[in-house]
Amino acid sequence: ISRDNAKNTVYLQMNSLKPEDTAVYYCAATPQPLAT
């Protein structure tokens, strides 16, 4: 995961993908410092 605040964009680079990675992927924003 990475972000470019100048472009207001967050990225998810996915390598070595597996069939079990199949899903709908959502991004989200939180006021917490870091959240799971």
ModelCIF file with pLDDT and N, C-alpha, C, O atoms, coordinates in Angstrom:
data_MODEL
#
_entry.id   MODEL 
#
_entity.id                         1 
_entity.type                       polymer 
_entity.pdbx_number_of_molecules   1 
#
_entity_poly.entity_id                      1 
_entity_poly.type                           'polypeptide(L)' 
_entity_poly.nstd_linkage                   no 
_entity_poly.nstd_monomer                   no 
_entity_poly.pdbx_seq_one_letter_code       ISRDNAKNTVYLQMNSLKPEDTAVYYCAATPQPLAT 
_entity_poly.pdbx_seq_one_letter_code_can   ISRDNAKNTVYLQMNSLKPEDTAVYYCAATPQPLAT 
_entity_poly.pdbx_strand_id                 A 
#
loop_
_entity_poly_seq.entity_id 
_entity_poly_seq.num 
_entity_poly_seq.mon_id 
_entity_poly_seq.hetero 
1 1  ILE n 
1 2  SER n 
1 3  ARG n 
1 4  ASP n 
1 5  ASN n 
1 6  ALA n 
1 7  LYS n 
1 8  ASN n 
1 9  THR n 
1 10 VAL n 
1 11 TYR n 
1 12 LEU n 
1 13 GLN n 
1 14 MET n 
1 15 ASN n 
1 16 SER n 
1 17 LEU n 
1 18 LYS n 
1 19 PRO n 
1 20 GLU n 
1 21 ASP n 
1 22 THR n 
1 23 ALA n 
1 24 VAL n 
1 25 TYR n 
1 26 TYR n 
1 27 CYS n 
1 28 ALA n 
1 29 ALA n 
1 30 THR n 
1 31 PRO n 
1 32 GLN n 
1 33 PRO n 
1 34 LEU n 
1 35 ALA n 
1 36 THR n 
#
_struct_asym.id          A 
_struct_asym.entity_id   1 
#
loop_
_ma_qa_metric.id 
_ma_qa_metric.mode 
_ma_qa_metric.name 
_ma_qa_metric.software_group_id 
_ma_qa_metric.type 
1 global pLDDT . pLDDT 
2 local  pLDDT . pLDDT 
#
_ma_qa_metric_global.metric_id      1 
_ma_qa_metric_global.metric_value   95.81 
_ma_qa_metric_global.model_id       1 
_ma_qa_metric_global.ordinal_id     1 
#
loop_
_ma_qa_metric_local.label_asym_id 
_ma_qa_metric_local.label_comp_id 
_ma_qa_metric_local.label_seq_id 
_ma_qa_metric_local.metric_id 
_ma_qa_metric_local.metric_value 
_ma_qa_metric_local.model_id 
_ma_qa_metric_local.ordinal_id 
A ILE 1  2 98.00 1 1  
A SER 2  2 97.00 1 2  
A ARG 3  2 95.00 1 3  
A ASP 4  2 93.00 1 4  
A ASN 5  2 89.00 1 5  
A ALA 6  2 89.00 1 6  
A LYS 7  2 92.00 1 7  
A ASN 8  2 91.00 1 8  
A THR 9  2 95.00 1 9  
A VAL 10 2 96.00 1 10 
A TYR 11 2 98.00 1 11 
A LEU 12 2 98.00 1 12 
A GLN 13 2 98.00 1 13 
A MET 14 2 98.00 1 14 
A ASN 15 2 98.00 1 15 
A SER 16 2 98.00 1 16 
A LEU 17 2 98.00 1 17 
A LYS 18 2 98.00 1 18 
A PRO 19 2 97.00 1 19 
A GLU 20 2 97.00 1 20 
A ASP 21 2 98.00 1 21 
A THR 22 2 98.00 1 22 
A ALA 23 2 98.00 1 23 
A VAL 24 2 98.00 1 24 
A TYR 25 2 98.00 1 25 
A TYR 26 2 98.00 1 26 
A CYS 27 2 97.00 1 27 
A ALA 28 2 97.00 1 28 
A ALA 29 2 96.00 1 29 
A THR 30 2 95.00 1 30 
A PRO 31 2 91.00 1 31 
A GLN 32 2 93.00 1 32 
A PRO 33 2 93.00 1 33 
A LEU 34 2 94.00 1 34 
A ALA 35 2 96.00 1 35 
A THR 36 2 96.00 1 36 
#
loop_
_atom_site.group_PDB 
_atom_site.id 
_atom_site.type_symbol 
_atom_site.label_atom_id 
_atom_site.label_alt_id 
_atom_site.label_comp_id 
_atom_site.label_asym_id 
_atom_site.label_entity_id 
_atom_site.label_seq_id 
_atom_site.pdbx_PDB_ins_code 
_atom_site.Cartn_x 
_atom_site.Cartn_y 
_atom_site.Cartn_z 
_atom_site.occupancy 
_atom_site.B_iso_or_equiv 
_atom_site.pdbx_formal_charge 
_atom_site.auth_seq_id 
_atom_site.auth_comp_id 
_atom_site.auth_asym_id 
_atom_site.auth_atom_id 
_atom_site.pdbx_PDB_model_num 
ATOM 1   N N  . ILE A 1 1  ? 0.852   -1.184  0.000  1.00 98.00 ? 1  ILE A N  1 
ATOM 2   C CA . ILE A 1 1  ? 0.000   0.000   0.000  1.00 98.00 ? 1  ILE A CA 1 
ATOM 3   C C  . ILE A 1 1  ? 0.891   1.238   0.000  1.00 98.00 ? 1  ILE A C  1 
ATOM 4   O O  . ILE A 1 1  ? 1.924   1.263   0.669  1.00 98.00 ? 1  ILE A O  1 
ATOM 5   N N  . SER A 1 2  ? 0.492   2.258   -0.746 1.00 97.00 ? 2  SER A N  1 
ATOM 6   C CA . SER A 1 2  ? 1.237   3.507   -0.803 1.00 97.00 ? 2  SER A CA 1 
ATOM 7   C C  . SER A 1 2  ? 0.262   4.648   -1.058 1.00 97.00 ? 2  SER A C  1 
ATOM 8   O O  . SER A 1 2  ? -0.894  4.421   -1.412 1.00 97.00 ? 2  SER A O  1 
ATOM 9   N N  . ARG A 1 3  ? 0.738   5.874   -0.874 1.00 95.00 ? 3  ARG A N  1 
ATOM 10  C CA . ARG A 1 3  ? -0.117  7.021   -1.141 1.00 95.00 ? 3  ARG A CA 1 
ATOM 11  C C  . ARG A 1 3  ? 0.704   8.177   -1.689 1.00 95.00 ? 3  ARG A C  1 
ATOM 12  O O  . ARG A 1 3  ? 1.896   8.304   -1.408 1.00 95.00 ? 3  ARG A O  1 
ATOM 13  N N  . ASP A 1 4  ? 0.046   9.014   -2.471 1.00 93.00 ? 4  ASP A N  1 
ATOM 14  C CA . ASP A 1 4  ? 0.632   10.224  -3.018 1.00 93.00 ? 4  ASP A CA 1 
ATOM 15  C C  . ASP A 1 4  ? -0.318  11.353  -2.652 1.00 93.00 ? 4  ASP A C  1 
ATOM 16  O O  . ASP A 1 4  ? -1.320  11.575  -3.332 1.00 93.00 ? 4  ASP A O  1 
ATOM 17  N N  . ASN A 1 5  ? -0.002  12.066  -1.578 1.00 89.00 ? 5  ASN A N  1 
ATOM 18  C CA . ASN A 1 5  ? -0.894  13.112  -1.093 1.00 89.00 ? 5  ASN A CA 1 
ATOM 19  C C  . ASN A 1 5  ? -1.013  14.282  -2.070 1.00 89.00 ? 5  ASN A C  1 
ATOM 20  O O  . ASN A 1 5  ? -2.043  14.956  -2.104 1.00 89.00 ? 5  ASN A O  1 
ATOM 21  N N  . ALA A 1 6  ? 0.024   14.525  -2.860 1.00 89.00 ? 6  ALA A N  1 
ATOM 22  C CA . ALA A 1 6  ? -0.031  15.583  -3.861 1.00 89.00 ? 6  ALA A CA 1 
ATOM 23  C C  . ALA A 1 6  ? -1.068  15.280  -4.931 1.00 89.00 ? 6  ALA A C  1 
ATOM 24  O O  . ALA A 1 6  ? -1.628  16.199  -5.529 1.00 89.00 ? 6  ALA A O  1 
ATOM 25  N N  . LYS A 1 7  ? -1.330  13.992  -5.179 1.00 92.00 ? 7  LYS A N  1 
ATOM 26  C CA . LYS A 1 7  ? -2.315  13.565  -6.169 1.00 92.00 ? 7  LYS A CA 1 
ATOM 27  C C  . LYS A 1 7  ? -3.622  13.098  -5.536 1.00 92.00 ? 7  LYS A C  1 
ATOM 28  O O  . LYS A 1 7  ? -4.535  12.675  -6.244 1.00 92.00 ? 7  LYS A O  1 
ATOM 29  N N  . ASN A 1 8  ? -3.718  13.168  -4.220 1.00 91.00 ? 8  ASN A N  1 
ATOM 30  C CA . ASN A 1 8  ? -4.908  12.717  -3.494 1.00 91.00 ? 8  ASN A CA 1 
ATOM 31  C C  . ASN A 1 8  ? -5.285  11.280  -3.866 1.00 91.00 ? 8  ASN A C  1 
ATOM 32  O O  . ASN A 1 8  ? -6.452  10.977  -4.112 1.00 91.00 ? 8  ASN A O  1 
ATOM 33  N N  . THR A 1 9  ? -4.286  10.409  -3.903 1.00 95.00 ? 9  THR A N  1 
ATOM 34  C CA . THR A 1 9  ? -4.497  9.044   -4.369 1.00 95.00 ? 9  THR A CA 1 
ATOM 35  C C  . THR A 1 9  ? -3.769  8.038   -3.475 1.00 95.00 ? 9  THR A C  1 
ATOM 36  O O  . THR A 1 9  ? -2.642  8.279   -3.042 1.00 95.00 ? 9  THR A O  1 
ATOM 37  N N  . VAL A 1 10 ? -4.426  6.915   -3.208 1.00 96.00 ? 10 VAL A N  1 
ATOM 38  C CA . VAL A 1 10 ? -3.807  5.792   -2.512 1.00 96.00 ? 10 VAL A CA 1 
ATOM 39  C C  . VAL A 1 10 ? -3.804  4.600   -3.462 1.00 96.00 ? 10 VAL A C  1 
ATOM 40  O O  . VAL A 1 10 ? -4.720  4.438   -4.267 1.00 96.00 ? 10 VAL A O  1 
ATOM 41  N N  . TYR A 1 11 ? -2.768  3.767   -3.363 1.00 98.00 ? 11 TYR A N  1 
ATOM 42  C CA . TYR A 1 11 ? -2.592  2.643   -4.275 1.00 98.00 ? 11 TYR A CA 1 
ATOM 43  C C  . TYR A 1 11 ? -2.480  1.330   -3.515 1.00 98.00 ? 11 TYR A C  1 
ATOM 44  O O  . TYR A 1 11 ? -2.097  1.303   -2.345 1.00 98.00 ? 11 TYR A O  1 
ATOM 45  N N  . LEU A 1 12 ? -2.818  0.253   -4.194 1.00 98.00 ? 12 LEU A N  1 
ATOM 46  C CA . LEU A 1 12 ? -2.563  -1.088  -3.692 1.00 98.00 ? 12 LEU A CA 1 
ATOM 47  C C  . LEU A 1 12 ? -1.917  -1.893  -4.810 1.00 98.00 ? 12 LEU A C  1 
ATOM 48  O O  . LEU A 1 12 ? -2.582  -2.281  -5.770 1.00 98.00 ? 12 LEU A O  1 
ATOM 49  N N  . GLN A 1 13 ? -0.617  -2.142  -4.681 1.00 98.00 ? 13 GLN A N  1 
ATOM 50  C CA . GLN A 1 13 ? 0.104   -2.967  -5.635 1.00 98.00 ? 13 GLN A CA 1 
ATOM 51  C C  . GLN A 1 13 ? -0.014  -4.417  -5.201 1.00 98.00 ? 13 GLN A C  1 
ATOM 52  O O  . GLN A 1 13 ? 0.373   -4.761  -4.084 1.00 98.00 ? 13 GLN A O  1 
ATOM 53  N N  . MET A 1 14 ? -0.543  -5.271  -6.068 1.00 98.00 ? 14 MET A N  1 
ATOM 54  C CA . MET A 1 14 ? -0.785  -6.669  -5.744 1.00 98.00 ? 14 MET A CA 1 
ATOM 55  C C  . MET A 1 14 ? 0.076   -7.540  -6.647 1.00 98.00 ? 14 MET A C  1 
ATOM 56  O O  . MET A 1 14 ? -0.078  -7.520  -7.868 1.00 98.00 ? 14 MET A O  1 
ATOM 57  N N  . ASN A 1 15 ? 0.982   -8.304  -6.046 1.00 98.00 ? 15 ASN A N  1 
ATOM 58  C CA . ASN A 1 15 ? 1.859   -9.213  -6.770 1.00 98.00 ? 15 ASN A CA 1 
ATOM 59  C C  . ASN A 1 15 ? 1.583   -10.650 -6.358 1.00 98.00 ? 15 ASN A C  1 
ATOM 60  O O  . ASN A 1 15 ? 0.964   -10.903 -5.324 1.00 98.00 ? 15 ASN A O  1 
ATOM 61  N N  . SER A 1 16 ? 2.048   -11.590 -7.173 1.00 98.00 ? 16 SER A N  1 
ATOM 62  C CA . SER A 1 16 ? 1.885   -13.018 -6.894 1.00 98.00 ? 16 SER A CA 1 
ATOM 63  C C  . SER A 1 16 ? 0.437   -13.352 -6.537 1.00 98.00 ? 16 SER A C  1 
ATOM 64  O O  . SER A 1 16 ? 0.171   -14.014 -5.534 1.00 98.00 ? 16 SER A O  1 
ATOM 65  N N  . LEU A 1 17 ? -0.473  -12.896 -7.350 1.00 98.00 ? 17 LEU A N  1 
ATOM 66  C CA . LEU A 1 17 ? -1.894  -13.050 -7.061 1.00 98.00 ? 17 LEU A CA 1 
ATOM 67  C C  . LEU A 1 17 ? -2.326  -14.511 -7.088 1.00 98.00 ? 17 LEU A C  1 
ATOM 68  O O  . LEU A 1 17 ? -1.829  -15.311 -7.880 1.00 98.00 ? 17 LEU A O  1 
ATOM 69  N N  . LYS A 1 18 ? -3.263  -14.839 -6.202 1.00 98.00 ? 18 LYS A N  1 
ATOM 70  C CA . LYS A 1 18 ? -3.811  -16.169 -6.061 1.00 98.00 ? 18 LYS A CA 1 
ATOM 71  C C  . LYS A 1 18 ? -5.315  -16.132 -6.316 1.00 98.00 ? 18 LYS A C  1 
ATOM 72  O O  . LYS A 1 18 ? -5.939  -15.084 -6.148 1.00 98.00 ? 18 LYS A O  1 
ATOM 73  N N  . PRO A 1 19 ? -5.912  -17.266 -6.721 1.00 97.00 ? 19 PRO A N  1 
ATOM 74  C CA . PRO A 1 19 ? -7.372  -17.279 -6.921 1.00 97.00 ? 19 PRO A CA 1 
ATOM 75  C C  . PRO A 1 19 ? -8.144  -16.828 -5.679 1.00 97.00 ? 19 PRO A C  1 
ATOM 76  O O  . PRO A 1 19 ? -9.206  -16.219 -5.810 1.00 97.00 ? 19 PRO A O  1 
ATOM 77  N N  . GLU A 1 20 ? -7.639  -17.112 -4.488 1.00 97.00 ? 20 GLU A N  1 
ATOM 78  C CA . GLU A 1 20 ? -8.318  -16.701 -3.269 1.00 97.00 ? 20 GLU A CA 1 
ATOM 79  C C  . GLU A 1 20 ? -8.274  -15.196 -3.021 1.00 97.00 ? 20 GLU A C  1 
ATOM 80  O O  . GLU A 1 20 ? -8.921  -14.707 -2.095 1.00 97.00 ? 20 GLU A O  1 
ATOM 81  N N  . ASP A 1 21 ? -7.524  -14.456 -3.831 1.00 98.00 ? 21 ASP A N  1 
ATOM 82  C CA . ASP A 1 21 ? -7.538  -12.996 -3.764 1.00 98.00 ? 21 ASP A CA 1 
ATOM 83  C C  . ASP A 1 21 ? -8.731  -12.402 -4.501 1.00 98.00 ? 21 ASP A C  1 
ATOM 84  O O  . ASP A 1 21 ? -8.967  -11.196 -4.415 1.00 98.00 ? 21 ASP A O  1 
ATOM 85  N N  . THR A 1 22 ? -9.481  -13.219 -5.218 1.00 98.00 ? 22 THR A N  1 
ATOM 86  C CA . THR A 1 22 ? -10.652 -12.747 -5.951 1.00 98.00 ? 22 THR A CA 1 
ATOM 87  C C  . THR A 1 22 ? -11.665 -12.143 -4.989 1.00 98.00 ? 22 THR A C  1 
ATOM 88  O O  . THR A 1 22 ? -12.097 -12.799 -4.042 1.00 98.00 ? 22 THR A O  1 
ATOM 89  N N  . ALA A 1 23 ? -12.044 -10.891 -5.233 1.00 98.00 ? 23 ALA A N  1 
ATOM 90  C CA . ALA A 1 23 ? -12.967 -10.187 -4.349 1.00 98.00 ? 23 ALA A CA 1 
ATOM 91  C C  . ALA A 1 23 ? -13.256 -8.805  -4.923 1.00 98.00 ? 23 ALA A C  1 
ATOM 92  O O  . ALA A 1 23 ? -12.614 -8.364  -5.876 1.00 98.00 ? 23 ALA A O  1 
ATOM 93  N N  . VAL A 1 24 ? -14.230 -8.137  -4.327 1.00 98.00 ? 24 VAL A N  1 
ATOM 94  C CA . VAL A 1 24 ? -14.418 -6.712  -4.563 1.00 98.00 ? 24 VAL A CA 1 
ATOM 95  C C  . VAL A 1 24 ? -13.540 -5.976  -3.560 1.00 98.00 ? 24 VAL A C  1 
ATOM 96  O O  . VAL A 1 24 ? -13.620 -6.231  -2.358 1.00 98.00 ? 24 VAL A O  1 
ATOM 97  N N  . TYR A 1 25 ? -12.711 -5.077  -4.042 1.00 98.00 ? 25 TYR A N  1 
ATOM 98  C CA . TYR A 1 25 ? -11.784 -4.340  -3.193 1.00 98.00 ? 25 TYR A CA 1 
ATOM 99  C C  . TYR A 1 25 ? -12.296 -2.929  -2.959 1.00 98.00 ? 25 TYR A C  1 
ATOM 100 O O  . TYR A 1 25 ? -12.692 -2.239  -3.899 1.00 98.00 ? 25 TYR A O  1 
ATOM 101 N N  . TYR A 1 26 ? -12.286 -2.504  -1.700 1.00 98.00 ? 26 TYR A N  1 
ATOM 102 C CA . TYR A 1 26 ? -12.775 -1.191  -1.295 1.00 98.00 ? 26 TYR A CA 1 
ATOM 103 C C  . TYR A 1 26 ? -11.663 -0.389  -0.632 1.00 98.00 ? 26 TYR A C  1 
ATOM 104 O O  . TYR A 1 26 ? -10.882 -0.939  0.144  1.00 98.00 ? 26 TYR A O  1 
ATOM 105 N N  . CYS A 1 27 ? -11.585 0.894   -0.927 1.00 97.00 ? 27 CYS A N  1 
ATOM 106 C CA . CYS A 1 27 ? -10.716 1.770   -0.156 1.00 97.00 ? 27 CYS A CA 1 
ATOM 107 C C  . CYS A 1 27 ? -11.557 2.565   0.824  1.00 97.00 ? 27 CYS A C  1 
ATOM 108 O O  . CYS A 1 27 ? -12.752 2.769   0.608  1.00 97.00 ? 27 CYS A O  1 
ATOM 109 N N  . ALA A 1 28 ? -10.931 3.012   1.902  1.00 97.00 ? 28 ALA A N  1 
ATOM 110 C CA . ALA A 1 28 ? -11.646 3.712   2.959  1.00 97.00 ? 28 ALA A CA 1 
ATOM 111 C C  . ALA A 1 28 ? -10.723 4.706   3.649  1.00 97.00 ? 28 ALA A C  1 
ATOM 112 O O  . ALA A 1 28 ? -9.500  4.574   3.595  1.00 97.00 ? 28 ALA A O  1 
ATOM 113 N N  . ALA A 1 29 ? -11.320 5.703   4.298  1.00 96.00 ? 29 ALA A N  1 
ATOM 114 C CA . ALA A 1 29 ? -10.575 6.753   4.996  1.00 96.00 ? 29 ALA A CA 1 
ATOM 115 C C  . ALA A 1 29 ? -10.986 6.814   6.452  1.00 96.00 ? 29 ALA A C  1 
ATOM 116 O O  . ALA A 1 29 ? -12.161 6.648   6.781  1.00 96.00 ? 29 ALA A O  1 
ATOM 117 N N  . THR A 1 30 ? -10.008 7.056   7.334  1.00 95.00 ? 30 THR A N  1 
ATOM 118 C CA . THR A 1 30 ? -10.253 7.096   8.770  1.00 95.00 ? 30 THR A CA 1 
ATOM 119 C C  . THR A 1 30 ? -9.473  8.233   9.419  1.00 95.00 ? 30 THR A C  1 
ATOM 120 O O  . THR A 1 30 ? -8.361  8.539   8.989  1.00 95.00 ? 30 THR A O  1 
ATOM 121 N N  . PRO A 1 31 ? -10.045 8.874   10.462 1.00 91.00 ? 31 PRO A N  1 
ATOM 122 C CA . PRO A 1 31 ? -9.278  9.874   11.209 1.00 91.00 ? 31 PRO A CA 1 
ATOM 123 C C  . PRO A 1 31 ? -8.271  9.259   12.177 1.00 91.00 ? 31 PRO A C  1 
ATOM 124 O O  . PRO A 1 31 ? -7.445  9.983   12.733 1.00 91.00 ? 31 PRO A O  1 
ATOM 125 N N  . GLN A 1 32 ? -8.316  7.951   12.393 1.00 93.00 ? 32 GLN A N  1 
ATOM 126 C CA . GLN A 1 32 ? -7.363  7.276   13.253 1.00 93.00 ? 32 GLN A CA 1 
ATOM 127 C C  . GLN A 1 32 ? -5.968  7.305   12.642 1.00 93.00 ? 32 GLN A C  1 
ATOM 128 O O  . GLN A 1 32 ? -5.842  7.400   11.422 1.00 93.00 ? 32 GLN A O  1 
ATOM 129 N N  . PRO A 1 33 ? -4.921  7.227   13.455 1.00 93.00 ? 33 PRO A N  1 
ATOM 130 C CA . PRO A 1 33 ? -3.551  7.202   12.912 1.00 93.00 ? 33 PRO A CA 1 
ATOM 131 C C  . PRO A 1 33 ? -3.309  6.020   11.986 1.00 93.00 ? 33 PRO A C  1 
ATOM 132 O O  . PRO A 1 33 ? -2.640  6.156   10.962 1.00 93.00 ? 33 PRO A O  1 
ATOM 133 N N  . LEU A 1 34 ? -3.853  4.862   12.342 1.00 94.00 ? 34 LEU A N  1 
ATOM 134 C CA . LEU A 1 34 ? -3.751  3.638   11.567 1.00 94.00 ? 34 LEU A CA 1 
ATOM 135 C C  . LEU A 1 34 ? -4.827  2.713   12.108 1.00 94.00 ? 34 LEU A C  1 
ATOM 136 O O  . LEU A 1 34 ? -4.954  2.571   13.324 1.00 94.00 ? 34 LEU A O  1 
ATOM 137 N N  . ALA A 1 35 ? -5.606  2.079   11.235 1.00 96.00 ? 35 ALA A N  1 
ATOM 138 C CA . ALA A 1 35 ? -6.746  1.300   11.687 1.00 96.00 ? 35 ALA A CA 1 
ATOM 139 C C  . ALA A 1 35 ? -6.927  0.043   10.849 1.00 96.00 ? 35 ALA A C  1 
ATOM 140 O O  . ALA A 1 35 ? -6.621  0.029   9.657  1.00 96.00 ? 35 ALA A O  1 
ATOM 141 N N  . THR A 1 36 ? -7.433  -1.020  11.491 1.00 96.00 ? 36 THR A N  1 
ATOM 142 C CA . THR A 1 36 ? -7.678  -2.290  10.819 1.00 96.00 ? 36 THR A CA 1 
ATOM 143 C C  . THR A 1 36 ? -9.134  -2.732  10.896 1.00 96.00 ? 36 THR A C  1 
ATOM 144 O O  . THR A 1 36 ? -9.487  -3.788  10.371 1.00 96.00 ? 36 THR A O  1 
#
